[in-house]
């Protein structure tokens, strides 16, 4: 009986640990997506400015 309880507790703690790892990875992914989505409009504006400058010079 004690061994079964120990195994159940061990499985539960393992599950909690995996959930914490998933949540941490999810937070990192959200942060990276936010950084990317914030920098994307700036990169597009820079590209448009470069293209319009090239068109103006030619």
PDB file of N, CA and C in Angstrom:
ATOM      1  N   UNK A   1       0.831  -1.195   0.000  1.00  0.00           N
ATOM      2  CA  UNK A   1       0.000   0.000   0.000  1.00  0.00           C
ATOM      3  C   UNK A   1       0.869   1.250   0.000  1.00  0.00           C
ATOM      4  N   UNK A   2       1.890   1.238   0.815  1.00  0.00           N
ATOM      5  CA  UNK A   2       2.784   2.389   0.914  1.00  0.00           C
ATOM      6  C   UNK A   2       3.537   2.612  -0.397  1.00  0.00           C
ATOM      7  N   UNK A   3       3.912   1.521  -1.051  1.00  0.00           N
ATOM      8  CA  UNK A   3       4.634   1.619  -2.322  1.00  0.00           C
ATOM      9  C   UNK A   3       3.730   2.239  -3.393  1.00  0.00           C
ATOM     10  N   UNK A   4       2.480   1.851  -3.403  1.00  0.00           N
ATOM     11  CA  UNK A   4       1.528   2.397  -4.379  1.00  0.00           C
ATOM     12  C   UNK A   4       1.342   3.891  -4.144  1.00  0.00           C
ATOM     13  N   UNK A   5       1.214   4.316  -2.889  1.00  0.00           N
ATOM     14  CA  UNK A   5       1.074   5.745  -2.584  1.00  0.00           C
ATOM     15  C   UNK A   5       2.320   6.500  -3.020  1.00  0.00           C
ATOM     16  N   UNK A   6       3.495   5.916  -2.765  1.00  0.00           N
ATOM     17  CA  UNK A   6       4.752   6.545  -3.158  1.00  0.00           C
ATOM     18  C   UNK A   6       4.803   6.729  -4.676  1.00  0.00           C
ATOM     19  N   UNK A   7       4.402   5.684  -5.415  1.00  0.00           N
ATOM     20  CA  UNK A   7       4.403   5.773  -6.875  1.00  0.00           C
ATOM     21  C   UNK A   7       3.426   6.839  -7.365  1.00  0.00           C
ATOM     22  N   UNK A   8       2.265   6.928  -6.737  1.00  0.00           N
ATOM     23  CA  UNK A   8       1.276   7.936  -7.122  1.00  0.00           C
ATOM     24  C   UNK A   8       1.811   9.344  -6.877  1.00  0.00           C
ATOM     25  N   UNK A   9       2.431   9.527  -5.722  1.00  0.00           N
ATOM     26  CA  UNK A   9       3.005  10.843  -5.400  1.00  0.00           C
ATOM     27  C   UNK A   9       4.129  11.173  -6.379  1.00  0.00           C
ATOM     28  N   UNK A  10       4.949  10.199  -6.690  1.00  0.00           N
ATOM     29  CA  UNK A  10       6.049  10.397  -7.629  1.00  0.00           C
ATOM     30  C   UNK A  10       5.519  10.783  -9.020  1.00  0.00           C
ATOM     31  N   UNK A  11       4.490  10.100  -9.475  1.00  0.00           N
ATOM     32  CA  UNK A  11       3.883  10.425 -10.764  1.00  0.00           C
ATOM     33  C   UNK A  11       3.269  11.822 -10.757  1.00  0.00           C
ATOM     34  N   UNK A  12       2.604  12.173  -9.656  1.00  0.00           N
ATOM     35  CA  UNK A  12       1.989  13.487  -9.536  1.00  0.00           C
ATOM     36  C   UNK A  12       3.043  14.589  -9.573  1.00  0.00           C
ATOM     37  N   UNK A  13       4.136  14.412  -8.837  1.00  0.00           N
ATOM     38  CA  UNK A  13       5.205  15.415  -8.827  1.00  0.00           C
ATOM     39  C   UNK A  13       5.866  15.521 -10.195  1.00  0.00           C
ATOM     40  N   UNK A  14       6.018  14.413 -10.871  1.00  0.00           N
ATOM     41  CA  UNK A  14       6.579  14.418 -12.222  1.00  0.00           C
ATOM     42  C   UNK A  14       5.667  15.194 -13.169  1.00  0.00           C
ATOM     43  N   UNK A  15       4.363  14.986 -13.019  1.00  0.00           N
ATOM     44  CA  UNK A  15       3.389  15.698 -13.852  1.00  0.00           C
ATOM     45  C   UNK A  15       3.455  17.202 -13.575  1.00  0.00           C
ATOM     46  N   UNK A  16       3.539  17.583 -12.307  1.00  0.00           N
ATOM     47  CA  UNK A  16       3.648  19.002 -11.960  1.00  0.00           C
ATOM     48  C   UNK A  16       4.907  19.617 -12.560  1.00  0.00           C
ATOM     49  N   UNK A  17       6.004  18.885 -12.486  1.00  0.00           N
ATOM     50  CA  UNK A  17       7.267  19.383 -13.032  1.00  0.00           C
ATOM     51  C   UNK A  17       7.153  19.605 -14.537  1.00  0.00           C
ATOM     52  N   UNK A  18       6.530  18.677 -15.246  1.00  0.00           N
ATOM     53  CA  UNK A  18       6.358  18.823 -16.693  1.00  0.00           C
ATOM     54  C   UNK A  18       5.444  20.001 -17.014  1.00  0.00           C
ATOM     55  N   UNK A  19       4.401  20.219 -16.208  1.00  0.00           N
ATOM     56  CA  UNK A  19       3.511  21.363 -16.425  1.00  0.00           C
ATOM     57  C   UNK A  19       4.271  22.672 -16.222  1.00  0.00           C
ATOM     58  N   UNK A  20       5.140  22.711 -15.216  1.00  0.00           N
ATOM     59  CA  UNK A  20       5.939  23.912 -14.976  1.00  0.00           C
ATOM     60  C   UNK A  20       6.893  24.168 -16.133  1.00  0.00           C
ATOM     61  N   UNK A  21       7.501  23.113 -16.656  1.00  0.00           N
ATOM     62  CA  UNK A  21       8.388  23.259 -17.812  1.00  0.00           C
ATOM     63  C   UNK A  21       7.601  23.778 -19.014  1.00  0.00           C
ATOM     64  N   UNK A  22       6.400  23.253 -19.215  1.00  0.00           N
ATOM     65  CA  UNK A  22       5.559  23.689 -20.323  1.00  0.00           C
ATOM     66  C   UNK A  22       5.192  25.162 -20.169  1.00  0.00           C
ATOM     67  N   UNK A  23       4.803  25.558 -18.958  1.00  0.00           N
ATOM     68  CA  UNK A  23       4.436  26.952 -18.721  1.00  0.00           C
ATOM     69  C   UNK A  23       5.622  27.877 -18.937  1.00  0.00           C
ATOM     70  N   UNK A  24       6.797  27.479 -18.504  1.00  0.00           N
ATOM     71  CA  UNK A  24       7.999  28.297 -18.699  1.00  0.00           C
ATOM     72  C   UNK A  24       8.324  28.424 -20.188  1.00  0.00           C
ATOM     73  N   UNK A  25       8.234  27.323 -20.909  1.00  0.00           N
ATOM     74  CA  UNK A  25       8.488  27.363 -22.352  1.00  0.00           C
ATOM     75  C   UNK A  25       7.447  28.217 -23.060  1.00  0.00           C
ATOM     76  N   UNK A  26       6.213  28.155 -22.594  1.00  0.00           N
ATOM     77  CA  UNK A  26       5.142  28.955 -23.176  1.00  0.00           C
ATOM     78  C   UNK A  26       5.399  30.445 -22.956  1.00  0.00           C
ATOM     79  N   UNK A  27       5.867  30.817 -21.776  1.00  0.00           N
ATOM     80  CA  UNK A  27       6.189  32.219 -21.482  1.00  0.00           C
ATOM     81  C   UNK A  27       7.328  32.717 -22.370  1.00  0.00           C
ATOM     82  N   UNK A  28       8.330  31.880 -22.566  1.00  0.00           N
ATOM     83  CA  UNK A  28       9.448  32.255 -23.438  1.00  0.00           C
ATOM     84  C   UNK A  28       8.952  32.444 -24.872  1.00  0.00           C
ATOM     85  N   UNK A  29       8.107  31.544 -25.324  1.00  0.00           N
ATOM     86  CA  UNK A  29       7.563  31.654 -26.674  1.00  0.00           C
ATOM     87  C   UNK A  29       6.736  32.923 -26.833  1.00  0.00           C
ATOM     88  N   UNK A  30       5.913  33.244 -25.831  1.00  0.00           N
ATOM     89  CA  UNK A  30       5.116  34.475 -25.884  1.00  0.00           C
ATOM     90  C   UNK A  30       6.014  35.698 -25.943  1.00  0.00           C
ATOM     91  N   UNK A  31       7.066  35.695 -25.133  1.00  0.00           N
ATOM     92  CA  UNK A  31       8.007  36.815 -25.095  1.00  0.00           C
ATOM     93  C   UNK A  31       8.706  36.976 -26.442  1.00  0.00           C
ATOM     94  N   UNK A  32       9.156  35.865 -27.002  1.00  0.00           N
ATOM     95  CA  UNK A  32       9.827  35.921 -28.308  1.00  0.00           C
ATOM     96  C   UNK A  32       8.878  36.393 -29.393  1.00  0.00           C
ATOM     97  N   UNK A  33       7.633  35.944 -29.353  1.00  0.00           N
ATOM     98  CA  UNK A  33       6.648  36.365 -30.347  1.00  0.00           C
ATOM     99  C   UNK A  33       6.377  37.857 -30.219  1.00  0.00           C
ATOM    100  N   UNK A  34       6.275  38.329 -28.974  1.00  0.00           N
ATOM    101  CA  UNK A  34       6.027  39.747 -28.745  1.00  0.00           C
ATOM    102  C   UNK A  34       7.173  40.597 -29.287  1.00  0.00           C
ATOM    103  N   UNK A  35       8.413  40.165 -29.022  1.00  0.00           N
ATOM    104  CA  UNK A  35       9.581  40.884 -29.533  1.00  0.00           C
ATOM    105  C   UNK A  35       9.573  40.894 -31.057  1.00  0.00           C
ATOM    106  N   UNK A  36       9.273  39.754 -31.652  1.00  0.00           N
ATOM    107  CA  UNK A  36       9.255  39.655 -33.103  1.00  0.00           C
ATOM    108  C   UNK A  36       8.156  40.520 -33.697  1.00  0.00           C
ATOM    109  N   UNK A  37       6.972  40.480 -33.105  1.00  0.00           N
ATOM    110  CA  UNK A  37       5.861  41.252 -33.653  1.00  0.00           C
ATOM    111  C   UNK A  37       6.088  42.751 -33.471  1.00  0.00           C
ATOM    112  N   UNK A  38       6.839  43.139 -32.431  1.00  0.00           N
ATOM    113  CA  UNK A  38       7.156  44.554 -32.248  1.00  0.00           C
ATOM    114  C   UNK A  38       8.219  45.020 -33.234  1.00  0.00           C
ATOM    115  N   UNK A  39       9.157  44.168 -33.583  1.00  0.00           N
ATOM    116  CA  UNK A  39      10.241  44.568 -34.484  1.00  0.00           C
ATOM    117  C   UNK A  39       9.849  44.448 -35.950  1.00  0.00           C
ATOM    118  N   UNK A  40       8.847  43.640 -36.256  1.00  0.00           N
ATOM    119  CA  UNK A  40       8.463  43.428 -37.651  1.00  0.00           C
ATOM    120  C   UNK A  40       7.996  44.706 -38.341  1.00  0.00           C
ATOM    121  N   UNK A  41       7.094  45.511 -37.751  1.00  0.00           N
ATOM    122  CA  UNK A  41       6.686  46.737 -38.433  1.00  0.00           C
ATOM    123  C   UNK A  41       7.867  47.673 -38.696  1.00  0.00           C
ATOM    124  N   UNK A  42       8.817  47.736 -37.782  1.00  0.00           N
ATOM    125  CA  UNK A  42       9.989  48.583 -37.962  1.00  0.00           C
ATOM    126  C   UNK A  42      10.815  48.097 -39.148  1.00  0.00           C
ATOM    127  N   UNK A  43      11.005  46.783 -39.247  1.00  0.00           N
ATOM    128  CA  UNK A  43      11.769  46.228 -40.369  1.00  0.00           C
ATOM    129  C   UNK A  43      11.060  46.490 -41.692  1.00  0.00           C
ATOM    130  N   UNK A  44       9.733  46.387 -41.701  1.00  0.00           N
ATOM    131  CA  UNK A  44       8.987  46.659 -42.934  1.00  0.00           C
ATOM    132  C   UNK A  44       9.112  48.126 -43.327  1.00  0.00           C
ATOM    133  N   UNK A  45       9.046  49.014 -42.343  1.00  0.00           N
ATOM    134  CA  UNK A  45       9.198  50.444 -42.639  1.00  0.00           C
ATOM    135  C   UNK A  45      10.584  50.740 -43.178  1.00  0.00           C
ATOM    136  N   UNK A  46      11.607  50.118 -42.609  1.00  0.00           N
ATOM    137  CA  UNK A  46      12.971  50.320 -43.086  1.00  0.00           C
ATOM    138  C   UNK A  46      13.122  49.816 -44.524  1.00  0.00           C
ATOM    139  N   UNK A  47      12.501  48.683 -44.814  1.00  0.00           N
ATOM    140  CA  UNK A  47      12.577  48.123 -46.162  1.00  0.00           C
ATOM    141  C   UNK A  47      11.850  49.029 -47.147  1.00  0.00           C
ATOM    142  N   UNK A  48      10.671  49.533 -46.757  1.00  0.00           N
ATOM    143  CA  UNK A  48       9.924  50.435 -47.625  1.00  0.00           C
ATOM    144  C   UNK A  48      10.710  51.723 -47.865  1.00  0.00           C
ATOM    145  N   UNK A  49      11.346  52.241 -46.847  1.00  0.00           N
ATOM    146  CA  UNK A  49      12.139  53.464 -46.987  1.00  0.00           C
ATOM    147  C   UNK A  49      13.320  53.225 -47.926  1.00  0.00           C
ATOM    148  N   UNK A  50      13.946  52.079 -47.801  1.00  0.00           N
ATOM    149  CA  UNK A  50      15.073  51.747 -48.666  1.00  0.00           C
ATOM    150  C   UNK A  50      14.606  51.633 -50.117  1.00  0.00           C
ATOM    151  N   UNK A  51      13.450  50.982 -50.332  1.00  0.00           N
ATOM    152  CA  UNK A  51      12.915  50.818 -51.684  1.00  0.00           C
ATOM    153  C   UNK A  51      12.522  52.166 -52.287  1.00  0.00           C
ATOM    154  N   UNK A  52      11.886  53.012 -51.507  1.00  0.00           N
ATOM    155  CA  UNK A  52      11.457  54.306 -52.035  1.00  0.00           C
ATOM    156  C   UNK A  52      12.666  55.197 -52.317  1.00  0.00           C
ATOM    157  N   UNK A  53      13.701  55.082 -51.492  1.00  0.00           N
ATOM    158  CA  UNK A  53      14.929  55.846 -51.721  1.00  0.00           C
ATOM    159  C   UNK A  53      15.594  55.374 -53.020  1.00  0.00           C
ATOM    160  N   UNK A  54      15.617  54.055 -53.244  1.00  0.00           N
ATOM    161  CA  UNK A  54      16.203  53.502 -54.476  1.00  0.00           C
ATOM    162  C   UNK A  54      15.390  53.940 -55.689  1.00  0.00           C
ATOM    163  N   UNK A  55      14.076  53.951 -55.566  1.00  0.00           N
ATOM    164  CA  UNK A  55      13.218  54.376 -56.676  1.00  0.00           C
ATOM    165  C   UNK A  55      13.397  55.866 -56.951  1.00  0.00           C
ATOM    166  N   UNK A  56      13.567  56.665 -55.928  1.00  0.00           N
ATOM    167  CA  UNK A  56      13.727  58.114 -56.074  1.00  0.00           C
ATOM    168  C   UNK A  56      15.046  58.442 -56.766  1.00  0.00           C
ATOM    169  N   UNK A  57      16.089  57.678 -56.444  1.00  0.00           N
ATOM    170  CA  UNK A  57      17.404  57.942 -57.018  1.00  0.00           C
ATOM    171  C   UNK A  57      17.505  57.492 -58.472  1.00  0.00           C
ATOM    172  N   UNK A  58      16.697  56.544 -58.883  1.00  0.00           N
ATOM    173  CA  UNK A  58      16.805  56.039 -60.257  1.00  0.00           C
ATOM    174  C   UNK A  58      15.952  56.783 -61.233  1.00  0.00           C
TER     175      UNK A  58
END
